[in-house]
Amino acid sequence: MSDDAGWVASADIDLDAARRCLADPPNVAAAAYHCQQAAEKLIKAVLVILGSRQHDNGALSLLLGSAAE
């Protein structure tokens, strides 16, 4: 499994956890945490795809901006 696929798989696990947290009775705070974790892992997957070793999520907009051109 490639590094980017690993990050995506890990994000899927967090999204599954978020869905489970919303079951009755819902734990919205825990669900939000898992959604945030999934988002970070998807950002890391994009950074891996773009060849960046940076872990600064603020750099993502710059990288995506140049990749979209």
C-alpha atoms as a PDB file:
ATOM      1  CA  MET A   1       0.000   0.000   0.000  1.00  0.00           C
ATOM      2  CA  SER A   2       1.388   3.409  -0.953  1.00  0.00           C
ATOM      3  CA  ASP A   3       1.810   6.158   1.637  1.00  0.00           C
ATOM      4  CA  ASP A   4      -1.080   8.176   0.224  1.00  0.00           C
ATOM      5  CA  ALA A   5      -3.374   5.140   0.213  1.00  0.00           C
ATOM      6  CA  GLY A   6      -2.402   4.468   3.815  1.00  0.00           C
ATOM      7  CA  TRP A   7      -3.448   7.973   4.847  1.00  0.00           C
ATOM      8  CA  VAL A   8      -6.758   7.583   3.007  1.00  0.00           C
ATOM      9  CA  ALA A   9      -7.388   4.196   4.649  1.00  0.00           C
ATOM     10  CA  SER A  10      -6.657   5.718   8.039  1.00  0.00           C
ATOM     11  CA  ALA A  11      -9.070   8.579   7.294  1.00  0.00           C
ATOM     12  CA  ASP A  12     -11.750   6.011   6.413  1.00  0.00           C
ATOM     13  CA  ILE A  13     -11.298   4.427   9.838  1.00  0.00           C
ATOM     14  CA  ASP A  14     -11.773   7.824  11.491  1.00  0.00           C
ATOM     15  CA  LEU A  15     -14.920   8.472   9.452  1.00  0.00           C
ATOM     16  CA  ASP A  16     -16.299   5.096  10.505  1.00  0.00           C
ATOM     17  CA  ALA A  17     -15.574   6.005  14.129  1.00  0.00           C
ATOM     18  CA  ALA A  18     -17.359   9.342  13.634  1.00  0.00           C
ATOM     19  CA  ARG A  19     -20.440   7.578  12.257  1.00  0.00           C
ATOM     20  CA  ARG A  20     -20.443   5.209  15.229  1.00  0.00           C
ATOM     21  CA  CYS A  21     -20.175   8.158  17.613  1.00  0.00           C
ATOM     22  CA  LEU A  22     -23.382   9.559  16.148  1.00  0.00           C
ATOM     23  CA  ALA A  23     -25.357   6.391  16.942  1.00  0.00           C
ATOM     24  CA  ASP A  24     -27.869   6.518  19.749  1.00  0.00           C
ATOM     25  CA  PRO A  25     -26.932   8.085  22.103  1.00  0.00           C
ATOM     26  CA  PRO A  26     -24.827  10.454  19.979  1.00  0.00           C
ATOM     27  CA  ASN A  27     -21.495  11.793  21.131  1.00  0.00           C
ATOM     28  CA  VAL A  28     -21.126  14.835  18.904  1.00  0.00           C
ATOM     29  CA  ALA A  29     -17.820  15.976  20.407  1.00  0.00           C
ATOM     30  CA  ALA A  30     -16.181  12.624  19.733  1.00  0.00           C
ATOM     31  CA  ALA A  31     -17.658  12.527  16.222  1.00  0.00           C
ATOM     32  CA  ALA A  32     -16.285  16.004  15.492  1.00  0.00           C
ATOM     33  CA  TYR A  33     -12.844  14.932  16.728  1.00  0.00           C
ATOM     34  CA  HIS A  34     -12.801  11.930  14.395  1.00  0.00           C
ATOM     35  CA  CYS A  35     -13.952  14.109  11.463  1.00  0.00           C
ATOM     36  CA  GLN A  36     -11.117  16.552  12.159  1.00  0.00           C
ATOM     37  CA  GLN A  37      -8.634  13.661  12.288  1.00  0.00           C
ATOM     38  CA  ALA A  38      -9.951  12.303   8.995  1.00  0.00           C
ATOM     39  CA  ALA A  39      -9.590  15.729   7.367  1.00  0.00           C
ATOM     40  CA  GLU A  40      -5.965  16.027   8.529  1.00  0.00           C
ATOM     41  CA  LYS A  41      -5.163  12.572   7.178  1.00  0.00           C
ATOM     42  CA  LEU A  42      -6.701  13.407   3.808  1.00  0.00           C
ATOM     43  CA  ILE A  43      -4.615  16.588   3.698  1.00  0.00           C
ATOM     44  CA  LYS A  44      -1.515  14.502   4.416  1.00  0.00           C
ATOM     45  CA  ALA A  45      -2.465  12.150   1.580  1.00  0.00           C
ATOM     46  CA  VAL A  46      -2.650  15.112  -0.810  1.00  0.00           C
ATOM     47  CA  LEU A  47       0.715  16.369   0.419  1.00  0.00           C
ATOM     48  CA  VAL A  48       2.233  12.928  -0.208  1.00  0.00           C
ATOM     49  CA  ILE A  49       0.740  12.849  -3.706  1.00  0.00           C
ATOM     50  CA  LEU A  50       2.199  16.291  -4.416  1.00  0.00           C
ATOM     51  CA  GLY A  51       5.577  15.156  -3.140  1.00  0.00           C
ATOM     52  CA  SER A  52       5.744  17.357  -0.077  1.00  0.00           C
ATOM     53  CA  ARG A  53       7.385  16.183   3.129  1.00  0.00           C
ATOM     54  CA  GLN A  54       5.940  19.149   5.004  1.00  0.00           C
ATOM     55  CA  HIS A  55       3.485  18.584   7.804  1.00  0.00           C
ATOM     56  CA  ASP A  56       2.368  22.210   7.801  1.00  0.00           C
ATOM     57  CA  ASN A  57      -1.253  22.069   6.720  1.00  0.00           C
ATOM     58  CA  GLY A  58      -1.107  25.794   5.939  1.00  0.00           C
ATOM     59  CA  ALA A  59       1.177  24.957   3.010  1.00  0.00           C
ATOM     60  CA  LEU A  60      -1.585  22.904   1.425  1.00  0.00           C
ATOM     61  CA  SER A  61      -3.369  25.882  -0.108  1.00  0.00           C
ATOM     62  CA  LEU A  62      -0.136  27.014  -1.755  1.00  0.00           C
ATOM     63  CA  LEU A  63       0.565  23.539  -3.077  1.00  0.00           C
ATOM     64  CA  LEU A  64      -2.968  23.015  -4.339  1.00  0.00           C
ATOM     65  CA  GLY A  65      -3.001  26.457  -5.897  1.00  0.00           C
ATOM     66  CA  SER A  66       0.126  25.697  -7.929  1.00  0.00           C
ATOM     67  CA  ALA A  67      -1.064  22.170  -8.789  1.00  0.00           C
ATOM     68  CA  ALA A  68      -4.378  23.486 -10.120  1.00  0.00           C
ATOM     69  CA  GLU A  69      -2.720  25.793 -12.625  1.00  0.00           C
END
